[in-house]
Amino acid sequence: MNKLTITATAATALLIAGLSMSLAADSDSKETAAAQQSAKITLVQAITIAEQATGGKSAEAEFELEDGIAIYEVEVAMADGSEIEVEIDAQSGAILSQEAEGDHEHEDKVV
């Protein structure tokens, strides 16, 4: 094979891989959007739940599908400067976990 054929083949392979990833990401975003539309708990409610559970103030919040489960992940800033990540079930409002940011020893600690 000459250099032109190798280069063209490599470019085609990269293009196909890129398109595949793009289509997969689009499919994931549609699935996430559909899950968010059917969530019984709103983002505002999830933030309130997290703030009441920790006594802090919300710094960041987002909706995610984690292992097929719709959750809100809320980062809460505490008065002492630390942060706690709270995961809340988007269907029931139940707190699934609380974890101090940077505390990877106790990751996924259920409260």
PDB file of N, CA and C in Angstrom:
ATOM      1  N   MET A   1       0.841  -1.182   0.000  1.00  0.00           N
ATOM      2  CA  MET A   1       0.000   0.000   0.000  1.00  0.00           C
ATOM      3  C   MET A   1       0.880   1.236   0.000  1.00  0.00           C
ATOM      4  N   ASN A   2       0.421   2.229  -0.699  1.00  0.00           N
ATOM      5  CA  ASN A   2       1.210   3.455  -0.697  1.00  0.00           C
ATOM      6  C   ASN A   2       0.721   4.391   0.417  1.00  0.00           C
ATOM      7  N   LYS A   3       1.463   5.468   0.647  1.00  0.00           N
ATOM      8  CA  LYS A   3       1.154   6.396   1.735  1.00  0.00           C
ATOM      9  C   LYS A   3      -0.225   7.029   1.577  1.00  0.00           C
ATOM     10  N   LEU A   4      -0.622   7.346   0.353  1.00  0.00           N
ATOM     11  CA  LEU A   4      -1.919   7.974   0.111  1.00  0.00           C
ATOM     12  C   LEU A   4      -3.058   7.040   0.512  1.00  0.00           C
ATOM     13  N   THR A   5      -2.950   5.769   0.181  1.00  0.00           N
ATOM     14  CA  THR A   5      -3.983   4.795   0.526  1.00  0.00           C
ATOM     15  C   THR A   5      -4.076   4.622   2.039  1.00  0.00           C
ATOM     16  N   ILE A   6      -2.928   4.537   2.697  1.00  0.00           N
ATOM     17  CA  ILE A   6      -2.899   4.388   4.154  1.00  0.00           C
ATOM     18  C   ILE A   6      -3.516   5.615   4.813  1.00  0.00           C
ATOM     19  N   THR A   7      -3.154   6.799   4.350  1.00  0.00           N
ATOM     20  CA  THR A   7      -3.686   8.038   4.912  1.00  0.00           C
ATOM     21  C   THR A   7      -5.193   8.125   4.706  1.00  0.00           C
ATOM     22  N   ALA A   8      -5.658   7.793   3.511  1.00  0.00           N
ATOM     23  CA  ALA A   8      -7.094   7.837   3.216  1.00  0.00           C
ATOM     24  C   ALA A   8      -7.859   6.833   4.072  1.00  0.00           C
ATOM     25  N   THR A   9      -7.307   5.644   4.251  1.00  0.00           N
ATOM     26  CA  THR A   9      -7.947   4.616   5.069  1.00  0.00           C
ATOM     27  C   THR A   9      -8.025   5.065   6.526  1.00  0.00           C
ATOM     28  N   ALA A  10      -6.940   5.623   7.027  1.00  0.00           N
ATOM     29  CA  ALA A  10      -6.916   6.103   8.411  1.00  0.00           C
ATOM     30  C   ALA A  10      -7.916   7.242   8.610  1.00  0.00           C
ATOM     31  N   ALA A  11      -7.976   8.164   7.661  1.00  0.00           N
ATOM     32  CA  ALA A  11      -8.911   9.286   7.755  1.00  0.00           C
ATOM     33  C   ALA A  11     -10.355   8.793   7.738  1.00  0.00           C
ATOM     34  N   THR A  12     -10.645   7.824   6.900  1.00  0.00           N
ATOM     35  CA  THR A  12     -11.994   7.259   6.823  1.00  0.00           C
ATOM     36  C   THR A  12     -12.362   6.573   8.137  1.00  0.00           C
ATOM     37  N   ALA A  13     -11.430   5.823   8.700  1.00  0.00           N
ATOM     38  CA  ALA A  13     -11.677   5.138   9.974  1.00  0.00           C
ATOM     39  C   ALA A  13     -11.958   6.147  11.086  1.00  0.00           C
ATOM     40  N   LEU A  14     -11.187   7.228  11.130  1.00  0.00           N
ATOM     41  CA  LEU A  14     -11.409   8.265  12.142  1.00  0.00           C
ATOM     42  C   LEU A  14     -12.761   8.941  11.954  1.00  0.00           C
ATOM     43  N   LEU A  15     -13.140   9.191  10.719  1.00  0.00           N
ATOM     44  CA  LEU A  15     -14.427   9.814  10.426  1.00  0.00           C
ATOM     45  C   LEU A  15     -15.572   8.917  10.884  1.00  0.00           C
ATOM     46  N   ILE A  16     -15.480   7.643  10.589  1.00  0.00           N
ATOM     47  CA  ILE A  16     -16.521   6.693  10.994  1.00  0.00           C
ATOM     48  C   ILE A  16     -16.599   6.609  12.515  1.00  0.00           C
ATOM     49  N   ALA A  17     -15.463   6.556  13.179  1.00  0.00           N
ATOM     50  CA  ALA A  17     -15.445   6.503  14.645  1.00  0.00           C
ATOM     51  C   ALA A  17     -16.069   7.765  15.234  1.00  0.00           C
ATOM     52  N   GLY A  18     -15.739   8.908  14.665  1.00  0.00           N
ATOM     53  CA  GLY A  18     -16.300  10.173  15.140  1.00  0.00           C
ATOM     54  C   GLY A  18     -17.804  10.237  14.966  1.00  0.00           C
ATOM     55  N   LEU A  19     -18.294   9.788  13.824  1.00  0.00           N
ATOM     56  CA  LEU A  19     -19.736   9.773  13.581  1.00  0.00           C
ATOM     57  C   LEU A  19     -20.446   8.820  14.532  1.00  0.00           C
ATOM     58  N   SER A  20     -19.843   7.683  14.800  1.00  0.00           N
ATOM     59  CA  SER A  20     -20.438   6.712  15.719  1.00  0.00           C
ATOM     60  C   SER A  20     -20.573   7.302  17.113  1.00  0.00           C
ATOM     61  N   MET A  21     -19.516   7.976  17.584  1.00  0.00           N
ATOM     62  CA  MET A  21     -19.563   8.593  18.909  1.00  0.00           C
ATOM     63  C   MET A  21     -20.595   9.714  18.941  1.00  0.00           C
ATOM     64  N   SER A  22     -20.693  10.475  17.874  1.00  0.00           N
ATOM     65  CA  SER A  22     -21.663  11.564  17.800  1.00  0.00           C
ATOM     66  C   SER A  22     -23.086  11.026  17.863  1.00  0.00           C
ATOM     67  N   LEU A  23     -23.362   9.960  17.138  1.00  0.00           N
ATOM     68  CA  LEU A  23     -24.693   9.357  17.158  1.00  0.00           C
ATOM     69  C   LEU A  23     -25.013   8.781  18.530  1.00  0.00           C
ATOM     70  N   ALA A  24     -24.035   8.163  19.182  1.00  0.00           N
ATOM     71  CA  ALA A  24     -24.241   7.611  20.520  1.00  0.00           C
ATOM     72  C   ALA A  24     -24.526   8.730  21.518  1.00  0.00           C
ATOM     73  N   ALA A  25     -23.790   9.829  21.425  1.00  0.00           N
ATOM     74  CA  ALA A  25     -24.000  10.964  22.321  1.00  0.00           C
ATOM     75  C   ALA A  25     -25.381  11.564  22.106  1.00  0.00           C
ATOM     76  N   ASP A  26     -25.814  11.658  20.846  1.00  0.00           N
ATOM     77  CA  ASP A  26     -27.135  12.193  20.538  1.00  0.00           C
ATOM     78  C   ASP A  26     -28.218  11.298  21.124  1.00  0.00           C
ATOM     79  N   SER A  27     -28.034   9.995  21.030  1.00  0.00           N
ATOM     80  CA  SER A  27     -28.984   9.042  21.584  1.00  0.00           C
ATOM     81  C   SER A  27     -29.047   9.178  23.103  1.00  0.00           C
ATOM     82  N   ASP A  28     -27.882   9.319  23.747  1.00  0.00           N
ATOM     83  CA  ASP A  28     -27.823   9.497  25.198  1.00  0.00           C
ATOM     84  C   ASP A  28     -28.524  10.778  25.618  1.00  0.00           C
ATOM     85  N   SER A  29     -28.305  11.869  24.874  1.00  0.00           N
ATOM     86  CA  SER A  29     -28.921  13.138  25.252  1.00  0.00           C
ATOM     87  C   SER A  29     -30.440  13.083  25.086  1.00  0.00           C
ATOM     88  N   LYS A  30     -30.932  12.360  24.087  1.00  0.00           N
ATOM     89  CA  LYS A  30     -32.379  12.199  23.921  1.00  0.00           C
ATOM     90  C   LYS A  30     -32.957  11.386  25.071  1.00  0.00           C
ATOM     91  N   GLU A  31     -32.243  10.338  25.467  1.00  0.00           N
ATOM     92  CA  GLU A  31     -32.685   9.502  26.582  1.00  0.00           C
ATOM     93  C   GLU A  31     -32.703  10.314  27.875  1.00  0.00           C
ATOM     94  N   THR A  32     -31.667  11.129  28.092  1.00  0.00           N
ATOM     95  CA  THR A  32     -31.588  11.971  29.283  1.00  0.00           C
ATOM     96  C   THR A  32     -32.713  13.003  29.288  1.00  0.00           C
ATOM     97  N   ALA A  33     -32.969  13.627  28.143  1.00  0.00           N
ATOM     98  CA  ALA A  33     -34.040  14.627  28.045  1.00  0.00           C
ATOM     99  C   ALA A  33     -35.400  14.003  28.344  1.00  0.00           C
ATOM    100  N   ALA A  34     -35.644  12.815  27.825  1.00  0.00           N
ATOM    101  CA  ALA A  34     -36.914  12.129  28.072  1.00  0.00           C
ATOM    102  C   ALA A  34     -37.064  11.785  29.553  1.00  0.00           C
ATOM    103  N   ALA A  35     -35.985  11.330  30.177  1.00  0.00           N
ATOM    104  CA  ALA A  35     -36.023  10.991  31.600  1.00  0.00           C
ATOM    105  C   ALA A  35     -36.274  12.234  32.447  1.00  0.00           C
ATOM    106  N   GLN A  36     -35.671  13.347  32.061  1.00  0.00           N
ATOM    107  CA  GLN A  36     -35.859  14.586  32.817  1.00  0.00           C
ATOM    108  C   GLN A  36     -37.301  15.082  32.695  1.00  0.00           C
ATOM    109  N   GLN A  37     -37.889  14.931  31.522  1.00  0.00           N
ATOM    110  CA  GLN A  37     -39.283  15.346  31.327  1.00  0.00           C
ATOM    111  C   GLN A  37     -40.247  14.515  32.179  1.00  0.00           C
ATOM    112  N   SER A  38     -39.910  13.251  32.425  1.00  0.00           N
ATOM    113  CA  SER A  38     -40.806  12.388  33.199  1.00  0.00           C
ATOM    114  C   SER A  38     -40.481  12.370  34.694  1.00  0.00           C
ATOM    115  N   ALA A  39     -39.466  13.115  35.116  1.00  0.00           N
ATOM    116  CA  ALA A  39     -39.091  13.158  36.533  1.00  0.00           C
ATOM    117  C   ALA A  39     -40.204  13.799  37.358  1.00  0.00           C
ATOM    118  N   LYS A  40     -40.492  13.212  38.510  1.00  0.00           N
ATOM    119  CA  LYS A  40     -41.541  13.740  39.386  1.00  0.00           C
ATOM    120  C   LYS A  40     -41.024  14.877  40.259  1.00  0.00           C
ATOM    121  N   ILE A  41     -39.727  14.900  40.495  1.00  0.00           N
ATOM    122  CA  ILE A  41     -39.096  15.933  41.317  1.00  0.00           C
ATOM    123  C   ILE A  41     -38.427  16.936  40.382  1.00  0.00           C
ATOM    124  N   THR A  42     -38.622  18.227  40.650  1.00  0.00           N
ATOM    125  CA  THR A  42     -37.979  19.257  39.827  1.00  0.00           C
ATOM    126  C   THR A  42     -36.585  19.557  40.370  1.00  0.00           C
ATOM    127  N   LEU A  43     -35.797  20.252  39.580  1.00  0.00           N
ATOM    128  CA  LEU A  43     -34.459  20.654  40.008  1.00  0.00           C
ATOM    129  C   LEU A  43     -34.541  21.532  41.251  1.00  0.00           C
ATOM    130  N   VAL A  44     -35.507  22.441  41.286  1.00  0.00           N
ATOM    131  CA  VAL A  44     -35.676  23.332  42.445  1.00  0.00           C
ATOM    132  C   VAL A  44     -35.993  22.514  43.697  1.00  0.00           C
ATOM    133  N   GLN A  45     -36.861  21.514  43.573  1.00  0.00           N
ATOM    134  CA  GLN A  45     -37.188  20.657  44.712  1.00  0.00           C
ATOM    135  C   GLN A  45     -35.962  19.872  45.173  1.00  0.00           C
ATOM    136  N   ALA A  46     -35.166  19.376  44.226  1.00  0.00           N
ATOM    137  CA  ALA A  46     -33.957  18.620  44.574  1.00  0.00           C
ATOM    138  C   ALA A  46     -32.969  19.509  45.329  1.00  0.00           C
ATOM    139  N   ILE A  47     -32.821  20.745  44.891  1.00  0.00           N
ATOM    140  CA  ILE A  47     -31.926  21.683  45.580  1.00  0.00           C
ATOM    141  C   ILE A  47     -32.412  21.916  47.007  1.00  0.00           C
ATOM    142  N   THR A  48     -33.712  22.112  47.177  1.00  0.00           N
ATOM    143  CA  THR A  48     -34.285  22.322  48.510  1.00  0.00           C
ATOM    144  C   THR A  48     -34.031  21.114  49.402  1.00  0.00           C
ATOM    145  N   ILE A  49     -34.235  19.921  48.874  1.00  0.00           N
ATOM    146  CA  ILE A  49     -33.993  18.689  49.635  1.00  0.00           C
ATOM    147  C   ILE A  49     -32.533  18.621  50.085  1.00  0.00           C
ATOM    148  N   ALA A  50     -31.609  18.897  49.176  1.00  0.00           N
ATOM    149  CA  ALA A  50     -30.177  18.829  49.496  1.00  0.00           C
ATOM    150  C   ALA A  50     -29.787  19.876  50.535  1.00  0.00           C
ATOM    151  N   GLU A  51     -30.300  21.095  50.385  1.00  0.00           N
ATOM    152  CA  GLU A  51     -29.968  22.154  51.347  1.00  0.00           C
ATOM    153  C   GLU A  51     -30.520  21.841  52.729  1.00  0.00           C
ATOM    154  N   GLN A  52     -31.741  21.315  52.800  1.00  0.00           N
ATOM    155  CA  GLN A  52     -32.331  20.969  54.091  1.00  0.00           C
ATOM    156  C   GLN A  52     -31.594  19.812  54.748  1.00  0.00           C
ATOM    157  N   ALA A  53     -31.133  18.865  53.962  1.00  0.00           N
ATOM    158  CA  ALA A  53     -30.431  17.697  54.510  1.00  0.00           C
ATOM    159  C   ALA A  53     -29.049  18.048  55.048  1.00  0.00           C
ATOM    160  N   THR A  54     -28.403  19.043  54.438  1.00  0.00           N
ATOM    161  CA  THR A  54     -27.021  19.361  54.810  1.00  0.00           C
ATOM    162  C   THR A  54     -26.872  20.643  55.619  1.00  0.00           C
ATOM    163  N   GLY A  55     -27.838  21.551  55.499  1.00  0.00           N
ATOM    164  CA  GLY A  55     -27.722  22.839  56.169  1.00  0.00           C
ATOM    165  C   GLY A  55     -26.870  23.837  55.402  1.00  0.00           C
ATOM    166  N   GLY A  56     -26.487  23.495  54.173  1.00  0.00           N
ATOM    167  CA  GLY A  56     -25.662  24.382  53.353  1.00  0.00           C
ATOM    168  C   GLY A  56     -26.465  25.049  52.260  1.00  0.00           C
ATOM    169  N   LYS A  57     -25.752  25.671  51.328  1.00  0.00           N
ATOM    170  CA  LYS A  57     -26.373  26.356  50.194  1.00  0.00           C
ATOM    171  C   LYS A  57     -25.897  25.718  48.893  1.00  0.00           C
ATOM    172  N   SER A  58     -26.812  25.527  47.967  1.00  0.00           N
ATOM    173  CA  SER A  58     -26.491  24.911  46.680  1.00  0.00           C
ATOM    174  C   SER A  58     -25.492  25.756  45.900  1.00  0.00           C
ATOM    175  N   ALA A  59     -24.465  25.097  45.376  1.00  0.00           N
ATOM    176  CA  ALA A  59     -23.466  25.770  44.543  1.00  0.00           C
ATOM    177  C   ALA A  59     -23.614  25.357  43.084  1.00  0.00           C
ATOM    178  N   GLU A  60     -24.087  24.139  42.858  1.00  0.00           N
ATOM    179  CA  GLU A  60     -24.224  23.600  41.499  1.00  0.00           C
ATOM    180  C   GLU A  60     -25.193  22.431  41.556  1.00  0.00           C
ATOM    181  N   ALA A  61     -25.980  22.270  40.493  1.00  0.00           N
ATOM    182  CA  ALA A  61     -26.906  21.142  40.438  1.00  0.00           C
ATOM    183  C   ALA A  61     -27.113  20.734  38.990  1.00  0.00           C
ATOM    184  N   GLU A  62     -27.292  19.417  38.781  1.00  0.00           N
ATOM    185  CA  GLU A  62     -27.537  18.925  37.429  1.00  0.00           C
ATOM    186  C   GLU A  62     -28.337  17.636  37.470  1.00  0.00           C
ATOM    187  N   PHE A  63     -29.003  17.358  36.355  1.00  0.00           N
ATOM    188  CA  PHE A  63     -29.759  16.128  36.169  1.00  0.00           C
ATOM    189  C   PHE A  63     -28.875  15.139  35.432  1.00  0.00           C
ATOM    190  N   GLU A  64     -28.904  13.871  35.850  1.00  0.00           N
ATOM    191  CA  GLU A  64     -28.106  12.830  35.193  1.00  0.00           C
ATOM    192  C   GLU A  64     -28.876  11.523  35.156  1.00  0.00           C
ATOM    193  N   LEU A  65     -28.514  10.691  34.203  1.00  0.00           N
ATOM    194  CA  LEU A  65     -28.927   9.292  34.219  1.00  0.00           C
ATOM    195  C   LEU A  65     -27.706   8.508  34.662  1.00  0.00           C
ATOM    196  N   GLU A  66     -27.799   7.876  35.813  1.00  0.00           N
ATOM    197  CA  GLU A  66     -26.675   7.109  36.345  1.00  0.00           C
ATOM    198  C   GLU A  66     -27.104   5.655  36.452  1.00  0.00           C
ATOM    199  N   ASP A  67     -26.520   4.817  35.622  1.00  0.00           N
ATOM    200  CA  ASP A  67     -26.893   3.402  35.556  1.00  0.00           C
ATOM    201  C   ASP A  67     -28.393   3.239  35.305  1.00  0.00           C
ATOM    202  N   GLY A  68     -28.941   4.115  34.452  1.00  0.00           N
ATOM    203  CA  GLY A  68     -30.347   4.044  34.093  1.00  0.00           C
ATOM    204  C   GLY A  68     -31.298   4.668  35.096  1.00  0.00           C
ATOM    205  N   ILE A  69     -30.765   5.203  36.195  1.00  0.00           N
ATOM    206  CA  ILE A  69     -31.594   5.823  37.226  1.00  0.00           C
ATOM    207  C   ILE A  69     -31.495   7.339  37.091  1.00  0.00           C
ATOM    208  N   ALA A  70     -32.656   8.005  37.057  1.00  0.00           N
ATOM    209  CA  ALA A  70     -32.689   9.463  36.943  1.00  0.00           C
ATOM    210  C   ALA A  70     -32.389  10.076  38.307  1.00  0.00           C
ATOM    211  N   ILE A  71     -31.329  10.876  38.359  1.00  0.00           N
ATOM    212  CA  ILE A  71     -30.938  11.504  39.623  1.00  0.00           C
ATOM    213  C   ILE A  71     -30.617  12.982  39.415  1.00  0.00           C
ATOM    214  N   TYR A  72     -30.683  13.708  40.519  1.00  0.00           N
ATOM    215  CA  TYR A  72     -30.140  15.059  40.565  1.00  0.00           C
ATOM    216  C   TYR A  72     -28.887  14.982  41.420  1.00  0.00           C
ATOM    217  N   GLU A  73     -27.834  15.601  40.933  1.00  0.00           N
ATOM    218  CA  GLU A  73     -26.585  15.682  41.684  1.00  0.00           C
ATOM    219  C   GLU A  73     -26.439  17.144  42.101  1.00  0.00           C
ATOM    220  N   VAL A  74     -26.468  17.394  43.413  1.00  0.00           N
ATOM    221  CA  VAL A  74     -26.424  18.759  43.934  1.00  0.00           C
ATOM    222  C   VAL A  74     -25.156  18.932  44.757  1.00  0.00           C
ATOM    223  N   GLU A  75     -24.354  19.922  44.402  1.00  0.00           N
ATOM    224  CA  GLU A  75     -23.159  20.271  45.167  1.00  0.00           C
ATOM    225  C   GLU A  75     -23.572  21.363  46.144  1.00  0.00           C
ATOM    226  N   VAL A  76     -23.339  21.125  47.428  1.00  0.00           N
ATOM    227  CA  VAL A  76     -23.754  22.057  48.463  1.00  0.00           C
ATOM    228  C   VAL A  76     -22.520  22.628  49.151  1.00  0.00           C
ATOM    229  N   ALA A  77     -22.460  23.961  49.230  1.00  0.00           N
ATOM    230  CA  ALA A  77     -21.362  24.647  49.916  1.00  0.00           C
ATOM    231  C   ALA A  77     -21.737  24.802  51.388  1.00  0.00           C
ATOM    232  N   MET A  78     -20.814  24.399  52.248  1.00  0.00           N
ATOM    233  CA  MET A  78     -21.045  24.481  53.680  1.00  0.00           C
ATOM    234  C   MET A  78     -20.396  25.750  54.243  1.00  0.00           C
ATOM    235  N   ALA A  79     -20.832  26.165  55.426  1.00  0.00           N
ATOM    236  CA  ALA A  79     -20.325  27.385  56.057  1.00  0.00           C
ATOM    237  C   ALA A  79     -18.826  27.316  56.319  1.00  0.00           C
ATOM    238  N   ASP A  80     -18.294  26.107  56.542  1.00  0.00           N
ATOM    239  CA  ASP A  80     -16.859  25.963  56.821  1.00  0.00           C
ATOM    240  C   ASP A  80     -16.003  25.929  55.554  1.00  0.00           C
ATOM    241  N   GLY A  81     -16.637  26.101  54.388  1.00  0.00           N
ATOM    242  CA  GLY A  81     -15.904  26.115  53.121  1.00  0.00           C
ATOM    243  C   GLY A  81     -15.847  24.772  52.417  1.00  0.00           C
ATOM    244  N   SER A  82     -16.275  23.718  53.071  1.00  0.00           N
ATOM    245  CA  SER A  82     -16.275  22.398  52.436  1.00  0.00           C
ATOM    246  C   SER A  82     -17.486  22.272  51.515  1.00  0.00           C
ATOM    247  N   GLU A  83     -17.480  21.229  50.694  1.00  0.00           N
ATOM    248  CA  GLU A  83     -18.603  20.955  49.796  1.00  0.00           C
ATOM    249  C   GLU A  83     -19.064  19.516  49.978  1.00  0.00           C
ATOM    250  N   ILE A  84     -20.358  19.328  49.867  1.00  0.00           N
ATOM    251  CA  ILE A  84     -20.956  17.996  49.950  1.00  0.00           C
ATOM    252  C   ILE A  84     -21.743  17.760  48.666  1.00  0.00           C
ATOM    253  N   GLU A  85     -21.545  16.585  48.075  1.00  0.00           N
ATOM    254  CA  GLU A  85     -22.304  16.194  46.887  1.00  0.00           C
ATOM    255  C   GLU A  85     -23.457  15.305  47.342  1.00  0.00           C
ATOM    256  N   VAL A  86     -24.672  15.706  46.989  1.00  0.00           N
ATOM    257  CA  VAL A  86     -25.868  14.963  47.374  1.00  0.00           C
ATOM    258  C   VAL A  86     -26.531  14.442  46.103  1.00  0.00           C
ATOM    259  N   GLU A  87     -26.809  13.138  46.061  1.00  0.00           N
ATOM    260  CA  GLU A  87     -27.525  12.536  44.937  1.00  0.00           C
ATOM    261  C   GLU A  87     -28.950  12.249  45.374  1.00  0.00           C
ATOM    262  N   ILE A  88     -29.900  12.736  44.563  1.00  0.00           N
ATOM    263  CA  ILE A  88     -31.315  12.630  44.898  1.00  0.00           C
ATOM    264  C   ILE A  88     -32.054  11.920  43.772  1.00  0.00           C
ATOM    265  N   ASP A  89     -32.882  10.941  44.137  1.00  0.00           N
ATOM    266  CA  ASP A  89     -33.694  10.217  43.160  1.00  0.00           C
ATOM    267  C   ASP A  89     -34.712  11.181  42.553  1.00  0.00           C
ATOM    268  N   ALA A  90     -34.727  11.302  41.235  1.00  0.00           N
ATOM    269  CA  ALA A  90     -35.600  12.253  40.547  1.00  0.00           C
ATOM    270  C   ALA A  90     -37.062  11.814  40.532  1.00  0.00           C
ATOM    271  N   GLN A  91     -37.337  10.574  40.890  1.00  0.00           N
ATOM    272  CA  GLN A  91     -38.722  10.098  40.928  1.00  0.00           C
ATOM    273  C   GLN A  91     -39.324  10.222  42.324  1.00  0.00           C
ATOM    274  N   SER A  92     -38.544   9.892  43.352  1.00  0.00           N
ATOM    275  CA  SER A  92     -39.088   9.857  44.711  1.00  0.00           C
ATOM    276  C   SER A  92     -38.640  11.021  45.590  1.00  0.00           C
ATOM    277  N   GLY A  93     -37.529  11.649  45.244  1.00  0.00           N
ATOM    278  CA  GLY A  93     -36.976  12.706  46.089  1.00  0.00           C
ATOM    279  C   GLY A  93     -36.113  12.162  47.218  1.00  0.00           C
ATOM    280  N   ALA A  94     -35.923  10.848  47.248  1.00  0.00           N
ATOM    281  CA  ALA A  94     -35.099  10.236  48.294  1.00  0.00           C
ATOM    282  C   ALA A  94     -33.623  10.560  48.072  1.00  0.00           C
ATOM    283  N   ILE A  95     -32.916  10.786  49.168  1.00  0.00           N
ATOM    284  CA  ILE A  95     -31.476  11.009  49.087  1.00  0.00           C
ATOM    285  C   ILE A  95     -30.808   9.654  48.910  1.00  0.00           C
ATOM    286  N   LEU A  96     -30.080   9.503  47.816  1.00  0.00           N
ATOM    287  CA  LEU A  96     -29.401   8.244  47.514  1.00  0.00           C
ATOM    288  C   LEU A  96     -28.028   8.183  48.160  1.00  0.00           C
ATOM    289  N   SER A  97     -27.340   9.327  48.212  1.00  0.00           N
ATOM    290  CA  SER A  97     -26.024   9.366  48.848  1.00  0.00           C
ATOM    291  C   SER A  97     -25.634  10.800  49.154  1.00  0.00           C
ATOM    292  N   GLN A  98     -24.725  10.935  50.117  1.00  0.00           N
ATOM    293  CA  GLN A  98     -24.083  12.210  50.440  1.00  0.00           C
ATOM    294  C   GLN A  98     -22.602  11.924  50.562  1.00  0.00           C
ATOM    295  N   GLU A  99     -21.803  12.769  49.960  1.00  0.00           N
ATOM    296  CA  GLU A  99     -20.358  12.537  49.984  1.00  0.00           C
ATOM    297  C   GLU A  99     -19.641  13.878  50.058  1.00  0.00           C
ATOM    298  N   ALA A 100     -18.701  13.981  50.984  1.00  0.00           N
ATOM    299  CA  ALA A 100     -17.871  15.181  51.056  1.00  0.00           C
ATOM    300  C   ALA A 100     -16.993  15.222  49.819  1.00  0.00           C
ATOM    301  N   GLU A 101     -16.924  16.378  49.160  1.00  0.00           N
ATOM    302  CA  GLU A 101     -16.080  16.515  47.973  1.00  0.00           C
ATOM    303  C   GLU A 101     -14.638  16.217  48.352  1.00  0.00           C
ATOM    304  N   GLY A 102     -13.989  15.409  47.532  1.00  0.00           N
ATOM    305  CA  GLY A 102     -12.605  15.026  47.789  1.00  0.00           C
ATOM    306  C   GLY A 102     -12.493  13.831  48.716  1.00  0.00           C
ATOM    307  N   ASP A 103     -13.623  13.318  49.199  1.00  0.00           N
ATOM    308  CA  ASP A 103     -13.625  12.170  50.104  1.00  0.00           C
ATOM    309  C   ASP A 103     -13.856  10.903  49.299  1.00  0.00           C
ATOM    310  N   HIS A 104     -12.826  10.447  48.577  1.00  0.00           N
ATOM    311  CA  HIS A 104     -12.979   9.278  47.713  1.00  0.00           C
ATOM    312  C   HIS A 104     -12.830   7.966  48.473  1.00  0.00           C
ATOM    313  N   GLU A 105     -12.369   8.038  49.734  1.00  0.00           N
ATOM    314  CA  GLU A 105     -12.285   6.829  50.546  1.00  0.00           C
ATOM    315  C   GLU A 105     -13.675   6.277  50.825  1.00  0.00           C
ATOM    316  N   HIS A 106     -14.636   7.184  51.032  1.00  0.00           N
ATOM    317  CA  HIS A 106     -15.983   6.789  51.419  1.00  0.00           C
ATOM    318  C   HIS A 106     -16.956   7.024  50.276  1.00  0.00           C
ATOM    319  N   GLU A 107     -16.482   6.856  49.066  1.00  0.00           N
ATOM    320  CA  GLU A 107     -17.302   7.104  47.885  1.00  0.00           C
ATOM    321  C   GLU A 107     -18.551   6.233  47.908  1.00  0.00           C
ATOM    322  N   ASP A 108     -19.654   6.823  47.468  1.00  0.00           N
ATOM    323  CA  ASP A 108     -20.952   6.151  47.405  1.00  0.00           C
ATOM    324  C   ASP A 108     -21.467   5.727  48.779  1.00  0.00           C
ATOM    325  N   LYS A 109     -21.087   6.477  49.797  1.00  0.00           N
ATOM    326  CA  LYS A 109     -21.586   6.211  51.135  1.00  0.00           C
ATOM    327  C   LYS A 109     -23.070   6.560  51.162  1.00  0.00           C
ATOM    328  N   VAL A 110     -23.905   5.623  51.516  1.00  0.00           N
ATOM    329  CA  VAL A 110     -25.340   5.856  51.571  1.00  0.00           C
ATOM    330  C   VAL A 110     -25.684   6.371  52.948  1.00  0.00           C
ATOM    331  N   VAL A 111     -26.477   7.440  52.966  1.00  0.00           N
ATOM    332  CA  VAL A 111     -26.855   8.058  54.240  1.00  0.00           C
ATOM    333  C   VAL A 111     -28.274   7.696  54.575  1.00  0.00           C
TER     334      VAL A 111
END
